[in-house]
Amino acid sequence: MNSVTDQIEQPTRPRLNISVDRYQKMIATGVLTGSDRVELIEGTMFAVPPIGARHAAISRRINSLFSRSVGDLAEVDIGGPVKLGEYSQPQPDVMLLQRRDYNTKIPEAGDVILLIEISASTMASDRNTKLALYARYGIAEYWIIDLAQECIERYTNPVSNAYVEKRIASGADVVAPQALLSVRITVRDIFS
C-alpha cells in the first residue's frame, strides 16, 4: 500500500448523469466556455484532446471538398454538436446535415446524413464508444478518417449498438455518402 487513501476502502457512490439540458445550461451560464474542450457522452463529460496540425488540415480539406460538392443538397458542419437522446451531445469533427434552420436547435440524429470522426489518438474511442453511440441513435452513416493508415472506415446500416456493414477505402478509391451518391470524393484528395 502506497498511501493512507489506499488503506481506506472507498465507498461505492452513485454516478450523476448530466443531461443534455443541464449541459446546455452550463454552457449558457458560462460554467463551460469555448476553452473547455469537452463533449457529453452518456451523461459524462469527457475532455476532447487538442487538435494537431494534420488533424486540422484534414478537417479543412474535407470541409472544402464537401462544400464544393454538396451545394444546396446538405449543410457541412465542422466541429459542431449533435444531440443524441437525453444524455449525449458529442462534437464530431464533420457532419453533413439536412438543410434546416439550426439557429434555435442543435442538430439531432435524424438531421445527420453523414458523421465523420478524424482519428489518430482517439481511434479506440471512435471505433468502440462512439461507434456504438452513433449506431444506437440511428446515425445512418459513420466514417472514421484513420490518419495513421490514410484510409476511411465506412460504417452503414446501424442496428442496436453496431453497424451491419463496414468497408475500408484508401488511395484512389472514390467514396460518396450513401444518401448523396452524387457527392464523390477520392480518398487520396483528403490526405494530399
N, C-alpha and C. Protein backbone atom coordinates (compact mmCIF):
# COMPACT_ATOMS: atom_id res chain seq x y z
N MET A 1 0.85 -1.17 0.00
CA MET A 1 0.00 0.00 0.00
C MET A 1 0.90 1.23 0.00
N ASN A 2 0.53 2.16 -0.85
CA ASN A 2 1.38 3.31 -1.05
C ASN A 2 0.99 4.53 -0.22
N SER A 3 -0.27 4.62 0.12
CA SER A 3 -0.68 5.81 0.86
C SER A 3 -1.84 5.47 1.78
N VAL A 4 -2.19 6.44 2.58
CA VAL A 4 -3.30 6.26 3.51
C VAL A 4 -4.60 6.02 2.73
N THR A 5 -4.78 6.68 1.59
CA THR A 5 -6.01 6.51 0.84
C THR A 5 -6.12 5.10 0.26
N ASP A 6 -4.99 4.44 0.01
CA ASP A 6 -5.04 3.06 -0.45
C ASP A 6 -5.56 2.13 0.64
N GLN A 7 -5.36 2.52 1.90
CA GLN A 7 -5.77 1.69 3.01
C GLN A 7 -7.25 1.85 3.35
N ILE A 8 -7.85 2.95 2.92
CA ILE A 8 -9.25 3.23 3.23
C ILE A 8 -10.10 2.72 2.09
N GLU A 9 -11.07 1.90 2.43
CA GLU A 9 -11.98 1.40 1.39
C GLU A 9 -12.88 2.54 0.93
N GLN A 10 -12.88 2.76 -0.38
CA GLN A 10 -13.70 3.82 -0.94
C GLN A 10 -15.14 3.33 -1.10
N PRO A 11 -16.10 4.08 -0.60
CA PRO A 11 -17.50 3.67 -0.75
C PRO A 11 -17.93 3.73 -2.21
N THR A 12 -18.83 2.86 -2.58
CA THR A 12 -19.40 2.91 -3.92
C THR A 12 -20.41 4.05 -3.94
N ARG A 13 -20.20 4.95 -4.88
CA ARG A 13 -21.09 6.11 -4.96
C ARG A 13 -21.83 6.09 -6.28
N PRO A 14 -23.09 6.52 -6.24
CA PRO A 14 -23.84 6.55 -7.50
C PRO A 14 -23.26 7.61 -8.44
N ARG A 15 -23.35 7.31 -9.70
CA ARG A 15 -22.87 8.23 -10.72
C ARG A 15 -23.96 9.25 -11.02
N LEU A 16 -23.58 10.50 -11.16
CA LEU A 16 -24.51 11.56 -11.52
C LEU A 16 -24.43 11.76 -13.03
N ASN A 17 -25.47 11.36 -13.74
CA ASN A 17 -25.51 11.58 -15.18
C ASN A 17 -25.95 13.01 -15.45
N ILE A 18 -25.21 13.69 -16.27
CA ILE A 18 -25.55 15.05 -16.65
C ILE A 18 -26.40 14.98 -17.91
N SER A 19 -27.54 15.62 -17.90
CA SER A 19 -28.42 15.62 -19.07
C SER A 19 -27.92 16.66 -20.07
N VAL A 20 -28.38 16.52 -21.30
CA VAL A 20 -28.05 17.50 -22.34
C VAL A 20 -28.59 18.86 -21.93
N ASP A 21 -29.79 18.91 -21.36
CA ASP A 21 -30.36 20.20 -20.93
C ASP A 21 -29.47 20.87 -19.88
N ARG A 22 -29.01 20.09 -18.91
CA ARG A 22 -28.14 20.65 -17.87
C ARG A 22 -26.80 21.08 -18.47
N TYR A 23 -26.27 20.28 -19.38
CA TYR A 23 -25.02 20.60 -20.07
C TYR A 23 -25.18 21.92 -20.84
N GLN A 24 -26.32 22.09 -21.53
CA GLN A 24 -26.57 23.33 -22.27
C GLN A 24 -26.67 24.53 -21.33
N LYS A 25 -27.26 24.32 -20.15
CA LYS A 25 -27.33 25.41 -19.16
C LYS A 25 -25.94 25.78 -18.66
N MET A 26 -25.08 24.79 -18.52
CA MET A 26 -23.69 25.06 -18.11
C MET A 26 -22.97 25.91 -19.15
N ILE A 27 -23.28 25.68 -20.42
CA ILE A 27 -22.69 26.48 -21.49
C ILE A 27 -23.29 27.88 -21.49
N ALA A 28 -24.62 27.96 -21.39
CA ALA A 28 -25.32 29.25 -21.45
C ALA A 28 -24.94 30.18 -20.30
N THR A 29 -24.68 29.61 -19.13
CA THR A 29 -24.35 30.45 -17.98
C THR A 29 -22.85 30.70 -17.82
N GLY A 30 -22.05 30.13 -18.71
CA GLY A 30 -20.61 30.38 -18.67
C GLY A 30 -19.83 29.43 -17.78
N VAL A 31 -20.49 28.44 -17.19
CA VAL A 31 -19.77 27.44 -16.40
C VAL A 31 -18.79 26.70 -17.32
N LEU A 32 -19.25 26.37 -18.52
CA LEU A 32 -18.39 25.82 -19.56
C LEU A 32 -18.21 26.90 -20.62
N THR A 33 -16.98 27.08 -21.07
CA THR A 33 -16.70 28.09 -22.09
C THR A 33 -16.05 27.43 -23.29
N GLY A 34 -15.78 28.22 -24.30
CA GLY A 34 -15.12 27.72 -25.51
C GLY A 34 -13.76 27.10 -25.23
N SER A 35 -13.11 27.52 -24.16
CA SER A 35 -11.80 26.95 -23.84
C SER A 35 -11.91 25.60 -23.13
N ASP A 36 -13.11 25.25 -22.69
CA ASP A 36 -13.35 23.93 -22.09
C ASP A 36 -13.68 22.96 -23.22
N ARG A 37 -12.69 22.23 -23.67
CA ARG A 37 -12.90 21.29 -24.78
C ARG A 37 -13.42 19.98 -24.23
N VAL A 38 -14.76 19.89 -24.13
CA VAL A 38 -15.40 18.70 -23.60
C VAL A 38 -16.58 18.33 -24.48
N GLU A 39 -16.99 17.07 -24.37
CA GLU A 39 -18.22 16.62 -25.01
C GLU A 39 -18.94 15.70 -24.03
N LEU A 40 -20.24 15.62 -24.18
CA LEU A 40 -21.07 14.83 -23.27
C LEU A 40 -21.41 13.50 -23.94
N ILE A 41 -20.98 12.41 -23.31
CA ILE A 41 -21.25 11.06 -23.81
C ILE A 41 -21.91 10.27 -22.70
N GLU A 42 -23.15 9.86 -22.92
CA GLU A 42 -23.89 9.04 -21.95
C GLU A 42 -23.86 9.62 -20.54
N GLY A 43 -24.04 10.94 -20.45
CA GLY A 43 -24.14 11.60 -19.16
C GLY A 43 -22.83 11.99 -18.51
N THR A 44 -21.71 11.68 -19.15
CA THR A 44 -20.39 12.01 -18.61
C THR A 44 -19.68 12.98 -19.55
N MET A 45 -19.08 14.01 -18.95
CA MET A 45 -18.28 14.93 -19.75
C MET A 45 -16.88 14.36 -19.91
N PHE A 46 -16.43 14.31 -21.17
CA PHE A 46 -15.09 13.83 -21.47
C PHE A 46 -14.29 14.96 -22.10
N ALA A 47 -13.02 15.06 -21.71
CA ALA A 47 -12.12 16.03 -22.34
C ALA A 47 -11.89 15.61 -23.78
N VAL A 48 -11.88 16.59 -24.66
CA VAL A 48 -11.58 16.35 -26.07
C VAL A 48 -10.11 16.71 -26.27
N PRO A 49 -9.32 15.78 -26.81
CA PRO A 49 -7.90 16.08 -26.98
C PRO A 49 -7.68 17.25 -27.93
N PRO A 50 -6.57 17.96 -27.75
CA PRO A 50 -6.27 19.07 -28.65
C PRO A 50 -6.12 18.57 -30.09
N ILE A 51 -6.44 19.42 -31.02
CA ILE A 51 -6.34 19.08 -32.44
C ILE A 51 -4.96 19.47 -32.94
N GLY A 52 -4.26 18.50 -33.51
CA GLY A 52 -2.93 18.75 -34.07
C GLY A 52 -3.02 19.34 -35.47
N ALA A 53 -1.86 19.70 -36.01
CA ALA A 53 -1.79 20.35 -37.32
C ALA A 53 -2.37 19.47 -38.42
N ARG A 54 -2.05 18.19 -38.43
CA ARG A 54 -2.53 17.30 -39.51
C ARG A 54 -4.04 17.11 -39.41
N HIS A 55 -4.53 16.90 -38.20
CA HIS A 55 -5.98 16.76 -37.98
C HIS A 55 -6.70 18.01 -38.49
N ALA A 56 -6.19 19.18 -38.15
CA ALA A 56 -6.81 20.44 -38.57
C ALA A 56 -6.77 20.58 -40.10
N ALA A 57 -5.65 20.21 -40.72
CA ALA A 57 -5.53 20.31 -42.17
C ALA A 57 -6.52 19.38 -42.87
N ILE A 58 -6.66 18.15 -42.36
CA ILE A 58 -7.61 17.20 -42.94
C ILE A 58 -9.04 17.72 -42.78
N SER A 59 -9.34 18.28 -41.65
CA SER A 59 -10.67 18.84 -41.40
C SER A 59 -10.97 19.96 -42.40
N ARG A 60 -10.01 20.86 -42.60
CA ARG A 60 -10.22 21.95 -43.57
C ARG A 60 -10.39 21.40 -44.99
N ARG A 61 -9.60 20.37 -45.32
CA ARG A 61 -9.68 19.78 -46.66
C ARG A 61 -11.05 19.13 -46.89
N ILE A 62 -11.52 18.38 -45.89
CA ILE A 62 -12.84 17.74 -46.00
C ILE A 62 -13.92 18.82 -46.14
N ASN A 63 -13.81 19.88 -45.36
CA ASN A 63 -14.77 20.98 -45.45
C ASN A 63 -14.79 21.54 -46.87
N SER A 64 -13.61 21.78 -47.42
CA SER A 64 -13.52 22.33 -48.77
C SER A 64 -14.10 21.37 -49.82
N LEU A 65 -13.70 20.10 -49.74
CA LEU A 65 -14.19 19.11 -50.71
C LEU A 65 -15.70 18.96 -50.66
N PHE A 66 -16.25 18.84 -49.45
CA PHE A 66 -17.69 18.69 -49.32
C PHE A 66 -18.43 19.97 -49.69
N SER A 67 -17.92 21.11 -49.25
CA SER A 67 -18.61 22.37 -49.54
C SER A 67 -18.76 22.60 -51.04
N ARG A 68 -17.73 22.24 -51.81
CA ARG A 68 -17.80 22.39 -53.26
C ARG A 68 -18.79 21.41 -53.89
N SER A 69 -18.88 20.21 -53.32
CA SER A 69 -19.65 19.16 -53.99
C SER A 69 -21.10 19.02 -53.52
N VAL A 70 -21.42 19.42 -52.29
CA VAL A 70 -22.81 19.23 -51.84
C VAL A 70 -23.75 20.35 -52.26
N GLY A 71 -23.22 21.53 -52.50
CA GLY A 71 -24.07 22.65 -52.91
C GLY A 71 -25.22 22.83 -51.93
N ASP A 72 -26.44 22.83 -52.46
CA ASP A 72 -27.63 23.01 -51.63
C ASP A 72 -28.22 21.69 -51.14
N LEU A 73 -27.53 20.57 -51.41
CA LEU A 73 -28.05 19.26 -51.00
C LEU A 73 -27.93 19.01 -49.51
N ALA A 74 -26.95 19.65 -48.87
CA ALA A 74 -26.71 19.42 -47.44
C ALA A 74 -25.94 20.60 -46.88
N GLU A 75 -25.85 20.62 -45.58
CA GLU A 75 -25.05 21.63 -44.89
C GLU A 75 -23.83 20.95 -44.28
N VAL A 76 -22.65 21.54 -44.48
CA VAL A 76 -21.42 20.99 -43.91
C VAL A 76 -21.19 21.64 -42.55
N ASP A 77 -21.04 20.83 -41.53
CA ASP A 77 -20.82 21.30 -40.17
C ASP A 77 -19.47 20.78 -39.68
N ILE A 78 -18.60 21.69 -39.30
CA ILE A 78 -17.27 21.32 -38.81
C ILE A 78 -17.22 21.54 -37.30
N GLY A 79 -17.11 20.44 -36.56
CA GLY A 79 -16.91 20.52 -35.11
C GLY A 79 -18.13 20.92 -34.30
N GLY A 80 -19.29 20.92 -34.90
CA GLY A 80 -20.50 21.29 -34.17
C GLY A 80 -21.07 20.11 -33.39
N PRO A 81 -21.96 20.40 -32.44
CA PRO A 81 -22.54 19.34 -31.63
C PRO A 81 -23.73 18.66 -32.30
N VAL A 82 -24.03 17.47 -31.84
CA VAL A 82 -25.24 16.75 -32.24
C VAL A 82 -25.85 16.17 -30.97
N LYS A 83 -27.15 16.37 -30.79
CA LYS A 83 -27.85 15.86 -29.61
C LYS A 83 -28.33 14.44 -29.89
N LEU A 84 -27.89 13.51 -29.05
CA LEU A 84 -28.29 12.11 -29.19
C LEU A 84 -28.96 11.68 -27.88
N GLY A 85 -30.26 11.77 -27.86
CA GLY A 85 -31.00 11.39 -26.67
C GLY A 85 -30.87 12.41 -25.56
N GLU A 86 -31.17 11.97 -24.36
CA GLU A 86 -31.21 12.86 -23.19
C GLU A 86 -29.83 13.11 -22.58
N TYR A 87 -28.85 12.22 -22.85
CA TYR A 87 -27.59 12.30 -22.12
C TYR A 87 -26.33 12.38 -22.97
N SER A 88 -26.45 12.60 -24.28
CA SER A 88 -25.25 12.67 -25.12
C SER A 88 -25.31 13.84 -26.07
N GLN A 89 -24.21 14.56 -26.12
CA GLN A 89 -24.01 15.64 -27.07
C GLN A 89 -22.55 15.64 -27.51
N PRO A 90 -22.18 14.68 -28.37
CA PRO A 90 -20.81 14.67 -28.87
C PRO A 90 -20.59 15.81 -29.86
N GLN A 91 -19.32 16.06 -30.16
CA GLN A 91 -18.95 17.07 -31.14
C GLN A 91 -18.07 16.40 -32.19
N PRO A 92 -18.69 15.74 -33.16
CA PRO A 92 -17.90 15.08 -34.21
C PRO A 92 -17.11 16.10 -35.02
N ASP A 93 -16.10 15.61 -35.71
CA ASP A 93 -15.26 16.52 -36.48
C ASP A 93 -15.98 17.13 -37.67
N VAL A 94 -16.80 16.33 -38.36
CA VAL A 94 -17.51 16.80 -39.55
C VAL A 94 -18.87 16.11 -39.59
N MET A 95 -19.88 16.86 -40.01
CA MET A 95 -21.19 16.27 -40.28
C MET A 95 -21.74 16.88 -41.56
N LEU A 96 -22.44 16.06 -42.32
CA LEU A 96 -23.29 16.55 -43.39
C LEU A 96 -24.70 16.48 -42.82
N LEU A 97 -25.39 17.62 -42.84
CA LEU A 97 -26.71 17.72 -42.23
C LEU A 97 -27.77 18.04 -43.27
N GLN A 98 -29.00 17.63 -42.97
CA GLN A 98 -30.14 18.05 -43.77
C GLN A 98 -30.19 19.57 -43.74
N ARG A 99 -30.65 20.18 -44.82
CA ARG A 99 -30.78 21.64 -44.87
C ARG A 99 -31.98 22.04 -44.03
N ARG A 100 -31.71 22.64 -42.89
CA ARG A 100 -32.76 23.12 -41.97
C ARG A 100 -32.24 24.36 -41.25
N ASP A 101 -33.10 25.01 -40.52
CA ASP A 101 -32.69 26.14 -39.71
C ASP A 101 -32.22 25.62 -38.35
N TYR A 102 -30.93 25.75 -38.08
CA TYR A 102 -30.36 25.29 -36.81
C TYR A 102 -30.03 26.47 -35.88
N ASN A 103 -30.64 27.62 -36.12
CA ASN A 103 -30.37 28.78 -35.28
C ASN A 103 -30.88 28.61 -33.86
N THR A 104 -31.93 27.83 -33.68
CA THR A 104 -32.51 27.70 -32.34
C THR A 104 -32.48 26.28 -31.81
N LYS A 105 -31.90 25.35 -32.55
CA LYS A 105 -31.83 23.97 -32.07
C LYS A 105 -30.53 23.31 -32.53
N ILE A 106 -30.07 22.42 -31.71
CA ILE A 106 -28.89 21.62 -32.05
C ILE A 106 -29.35 20.47 -32.93
N PRO A 107 -28.60 20.17 -34.00
CA PRO A 107 -28.99 19.02 -34.83
C PRO A 107 -29.12 17.75 -33.99
N GLU A 108 -30.06 16.89 -34.41
CA GLU A 108 -30.26 15.60 -33.76
C GLU A 108 -29.99 14.50 -34.77
N ALA A 109 -30.05 13.26 -34.33
CA ALA A 109 -29.70 12.12 -35.18
C ALA A 109 -30.42 12.14 -36.52
N GLY A 110 -31.70 12.48 -36.54
CA GLY A 110 -32.47 12.49 -37.77
C GLY A 110 -32.03 13.56 -38.76
N ASP A 111 -31.25 14.53 -38.30
CA ASP A 111 -30.74 15.59 -39.17
C ASP A 111 -29.45 15.19 -39.87
N VAL A 112 -28.79 14.15 -39.39
CA VAL A 112 -27.45 13.78 -39.85
C VAL A 112 -27.52 12.86 -41.07
N ILE A 113 -26.87 13.29 -42.14
CA ILE A 113 -26.71 12.47 -43.34
C ILE A 113 -25.46 11.61 -43.20
N LEU A 114 -24.38 12.23 -42.73
CA LEU A 114 -23.09 11.57 -42.57
C LEU A 114 -22.38 12.21 -41.39
N LEU A 115 -21.77 11.38 -40.58
CA LEU A 115 -20.99 11.85 -39.43
C LEU A 115 -19.57 11.32 -39.58
N ILE A 116 -18.57 12.19 -39.36
CA ILE A 116 -17.16 11.81 -39.55
C ILE A 116 -16.35 12.17 -38.31
N GLU A 117 -15.52 11.22 -37.86
CA GLU A 117 -14.51 11.48 -36.84
C GLU A 117 -13.14 11.34 -37.51
N ILE A 118 -12.26 12.29 -37.29
CA ILE A 118 -10.88 12.23 -37.77
C ILE A 118 -10.06 11.69 -36.62
N SER A 119 -9.37 10.58 -36.85
CA SER A 119 -8.84 9.83 -35.73
C SER A 119 -7.35 9.54 -35.82
N ALA A 120 -6.67 9.87 -34.74
CA ALA A 120 -5.28 9.46 -34.55
C ALA A 120 -5.21 8.90 -33.13
N SER A 121 -5.17 9.77 -32.15
CA SER A 121 -5.07 9.32 -30.75
C SER A 121 -6.40 8.85 -30.19
N THR A 122 -7.51 9.09 -30.87
CA THR A 122 -8.83 8.73 -30.35
C THR A 122 -9.42 7.49 -31.03
N MET A 123 -8.60 6.73 -31.74
CA MET A 123 -9.11 5.60 -32.53
C MET A 123 -9.92 4.61 -31.68
N ALA A 124 -9.43 4.24 -30.51
CA ALA A 124 -10.15 3.26 -29.68
C ALA A 124 -11.54 3.76 -29.32
N SER A 125 -11.64 5.00 -28.93
CA SER A 125 -12.95 5.58 -28.59
C SER A 125 -13.84 5.69 -29.82
N ASP A 126 -13.26 6.10 -30.95
CA ASP A 126 -14.05 6.26 -32.17
C ASP A 126 -14.59 4.93 -32.68
N ARG A 127 -13.82 3.85 -32.53
CA ARG A 127 -14.24 2.53 -33.02
C ARG A 127 -15.15 1.79 -32.02
N ASN A 128 -15.13 2.21 -30.79
CA ASN A 128 -15.90 1.50 -29.77
C ASN A 128 -17.03 2.36 -29.21
N THR A 129 -16.69 3.26 -28.31
CA THR A 129 -17.69 4.08 -27.63
C THR A 129 -18.55 4.88 -28.60
N LYS A 130 -17.90 5.63 -29.47
CA LYS A 130 -18.67 6.49 -30.37
C LYS A 130 -19.40 5.69 -31.44
N LEU A 131 -18.79 4.65 -31.96
CA LEU A 131 -19.46 3.81 -32.95
C LEU A 131 -20.75 3.26 -32.37
N ALA A 132 -20.69 2.72 -31.15
CA ALA A 132 -21.89 2.16 -30.51
C ALA A 132 -22.93 3.25 -30.27
N LEU A 133 -22.50 4.42 -29.84
CA LEU A 133 -23.42 5.53 -29.59
C LEU A 133 -24.10 5.96 -30.88
N TYR A 134 -23.33 6.15 -31.93
CA TYR A 134 -23.90 6.61 -33.20
C TYR A 134 -24.85 5.56 -33.78
N ALA A 135 -24.49 4.30 -33.68
CA ALA A 135 -25.38 3.24 -34.17
C ALA A 135 -26.67 3.20 -33.36
N ARG A 136 -26.55 3.29 -32.04
CA ARG A 136 -27.73 3.23 -31.16
C ARG A 136 -28.75 4.31 -31.51
N TYR A 137 -28.26 5.48 -31.91
CA TYR A 137 -29.18 6.57 -32.23
C TYR A 137 -29.50 6.66 -33.72
N GLY A 138 -29.10 5.64 -34.48
CA GLY A 138 -29.52 5.54 -35.86
C GLY A 138 -28.82 6.46 -36.84
N ILE A 139 -27.60 6.88 -36.51
CA ILE A 139 -26.82 7.65 -37.49
C ILE A 139 -26.58 6.72 -38.68
N ALA A 140 -27.15 7.06 -39.83
CA ALA A 140 -27.17 6.14 -40.97
C ALA A 140 -25.79 5.80 -41.51
N GLU A 141 -24.87 6.76 -41.44
CA GLU A 141 -23.54 6.52 -42.00
C GLU A 141 -22.49 7.23 -41.14
N TYR A 142 -21.45 6.49 -40.81
CA TYR A 142 -20.38 6.98 -39.94
C TYR A 142 -19.05 6.63 -40.59
N TRP A 143 -18.20 7.64 -40.76
CA TRP A 143 -16.86 7.43 -41.30
C TRP A 143 -15.83 7.76 -40.24
N ILE A 144 -14.81 6.93 -40.16
CA ILE A 144 -13.63 7.25 -39.36
C ILE A 144 -12.49 7.49 -40.34
N ILE A 145 -11.94 8.69 -40.31
CA ILE A 145 -10.77 9.01 -41.12
C ILE A 145 -9.55 8.61 -40.29
N ASP A 146 -8.89 7.53 -40.70
CA ASP A 146 -7.74 6.98 -39.98
C ASP A 146 -6.48 7.67 -40.49
N LEU A 147 -5.94 8.59 -39.68
CA LEU A 147 -4.77 9.35 -40.09
C LEU A 147 -3.53 8.47 -40.23
N ALA A 148 -3.38 7.47 -39.39
CA ALA A 148 -2.20 6.62 -39.42
C ALA A 148 -2.18 5.75 -40.69
N GLN A 149 -3.30 5.17 -41.05
CA GLN A 149 -3.37 4.26 -42.21
C GLN A 149 -3.78 4.98 -43.50
N GLU A 150 -4.12 6.26 -43.39
CA GLU A 150 -4.60 7.06 -44.53
C GLU A 150 -5.72 6.34 -45.28
N CYS A 151 -6.74 6.00 -44.51
CA CYS A 151 -7.91 5.34 -45.10
C CYS A 151 -9.17 5.84 -44.41
N ILE A 152 -10.29 5.43 -44.98
CA ILE A 152 -11.59 5.76 -44.41
C ILE A 152 -12.29 4.46 -44.08
N GLU A 153 -12.70 4.32 -42.82
CA GLU A 153 -13.55 3.20 -42.41
C GLU A 153 -14.98 3.71 -42.53
N ARG A 154 -15.77 3.04 -43.36
CA ARG A 154 -17.14 3.46 -43.63
C ARG A 154 -18.11 2.48 -43.00
N TYR A 155 -18.96 2.96 -42.11
CA TYR A 155 -19.93 2.14 -41.40
C TYR A 155 -21.34 2.56 -41.83
N THR A 156 -22.17 1.57 -42.21
CA THR A 156 -23.55 1.85 -42.61
C THR A 156 -24.49 0.79 -42.03
N ASN A 157 -25.76 1.07 -42.11
CA ASN A 157 -26.82 0.18 -41.64
C ASN A 157 -26.73 -0.10 -40.13
N PRO A 158 -27.04 0.90 -39.32
CA PRO A 158 -26.97 0.72 -37.87
C PRO A 158 -28.08 -0.21 -37.35
N VAL A 159 -27.69 -1.09 -36.44
CA VAL A 159 -28.62 -1.98 -35.75
C VAL A 159 -28.15 -2.07 -34.31
N SER A 160 -29.01 -1.69 -33.37
CA SER A 160 -28.68 -1.66 -31.94
C SER A 160 -27.44 -0.81 -31.71
N ASN A 161 -26.36 -1.43 -31.20
CA ASN A 161 -25.13 -0.69 -30.88
C ASN A 161 -24.02 -0.94 -31.88
N ALA A 162 -24.36 -1.36 -33.10
CA ALA A 162 -23.34 -1.69 -34.09
C ALA A 162 -23.83 -1.34 -35.49
N TYR A 163 -22.91 -1.44 -36.43
CA TYR A 163 -23.24 -1.25 -37.84
C TYR A 163 -23.10 -2.58 -38.54
N VAL A 164 -24.03 -2.88 -39.43
CA VAL A 164 -24.02 -4.15 -40.14
C VAL A 164 -22.89 -4.19 -41.17
N GLU A 165 -22.65 -3.07 -41.83
CA GLU A 165 -21.64 -3.04 -42.89
C GLU A 165 -20.47 -2.14 -42.53
N LYS A 166 -19.27 -2.65 -42.85
CA LYS A 166 -18.04 -1.88 -42.71
C LYS A 166 -17.24 -2.07 -43.99
N ARG A 167 -16.80 -0.96 -44.57
CA ARG A 167 -15.93 -1.00 -45.74
C ARG A 167 -14.76 -0.07 -45.49
N ILE A 168 -13.63 -0.41 -46.08
CA ILE A 168 -12.45 0.44 -45.96
C ILE A 168 -12.09 0.94 -47.35
N ALA A 169 -11.85 2.25 -47.44
CA ALA A 169 -11.47 2.87 -48.70
C ALA A 169 -10.13 3.57 -48.52
N SER A 170 -9.28 3.51 -49.53
CA SER A 170 -7.98 4.17 -49.46
C SER A 170 -7.50 4.54 -50.85
N GLY A 171 -6.42 5.30 -50.91
CA GLY A 171 -5.77 5.64 -52.18
C GLY A 171 -6.70 6.25 -53.20
N ALA A 172 -6.83 5.59 -54.36
CA ALA A 172 -7.63 6.11 -55.47
C ALA A 172 -9.11 5.76 -55.35
N ASP A 173 -9.50 5.07 -54.28
CA ASP A 173 -10.92 4.74 -54.09
C ASP A 173 -11.75 6.02 -54.02
N VAL A 174 -12.93 5.95 -54.61
CA VAL A 174 -13.87 7.07 -54.57
C VAL A 174 -14.96 6.72 -53.56
N VAL A 175 -15.26 7.68 -52.68
CA VAL A 175 -16.30 7.48 -51.66
C VAL A 175 -17.39 8.52 -51.86
N ALA A 176 -18.60 8.11 -51.49
CA ALA A 176 -19.75 9.00 -51.54
C ALA A 176 -20.69 8.62 -50.42
N PRO A 177 -21.26 9.60 -49.72
CA PRO A 177 -22.27 9.26 -48.72
C PRO A 177 -23.42 8.52 -49.40
N GLN A 178 -23.92 7.47 -48.76
CA GLN A 178 -24.97 6.66 -49.40
C GLN A 178 -26.23 7.46 -49.69
N ALA A 179 -26.48 8.53 -48.96
CA ALA A 179 -27.67 9.36 -49.20
C ALA A 179 -27.42 10.46 -50.23
N LEU A 180 -26.15 10.65 -50.61
CA LEU A 180 -25.79 11.69 -51.58
C LEU A 180 -24.76 11.11 -52.56
N LEU A 181 -25.18 10.17 -53.36
CA LEU A 181 -24.25 9.46 -54.24
C LEU A 181 -23.58 10.36 -55.28
N SER A 182 -24.14 11.52 -55.53
CA SER A 182 -23.52 12.46 -56.47
C SER A 182 -22.34 13.19 -55.85
N VAL A 183 -22.18 13.11 -54.55
CA VAL A 183 -21.09 13.78 -53.84
C VAL A 183 -19.94 12.79 -53.72
N ARG A 184 -19.06 12.81 -54.72
CA ARG A 184 -18.00 11.81 -54.81
C ARG A 184 -16.65 12.45 -54.50
N ILE A 185 -15.89 11.78 -53.63
CA ILE A 185 -14.57 12.28 -53.22
C ILE A 185 -13.57 11.15 -53.31
N THR A 186 -12.40 11.44 -53.86
CA THR A 186 -11.33 10.46 -53.91
C THR A 186 -10.58 10.51 -52.57
N VAL A 187 -10.37 9.36 -51.97
CA VAL A 187 -9.71 9.30 -50.66
C VAL A 187 -8.36 10.02 -50.69
N ARG A 188 -7.60 9.82 -51.74
CA ARG A 188 -6.28 10.45 -51.87
C ARG A 188 -6.37 11.96 -51.71
N ASP A 189 -7.47 12.56 -52.22
CA ASP A 189 -7.63 14.03 -52.13
C ASP A 189 -7.77 14.49 -50.68
N ILE A 190 -8.27 13.65 -49.82
CA ILE A 190 -8.40 14.03 -48.41
C ILE A 190 -7.03 14.10 -47.75
N PHE A 191 -6.13 13.21 -48.13
CA PHE A 191 -4.83 13.13 -47.48
C PHE A 191 -3.71 13.89 -48.18
N SER A 192 -3.97 14.42 -49.38
CA SER A 192 -2.89 15.10 -50.11
C SER A 192 -2.77 16.57 -49.75
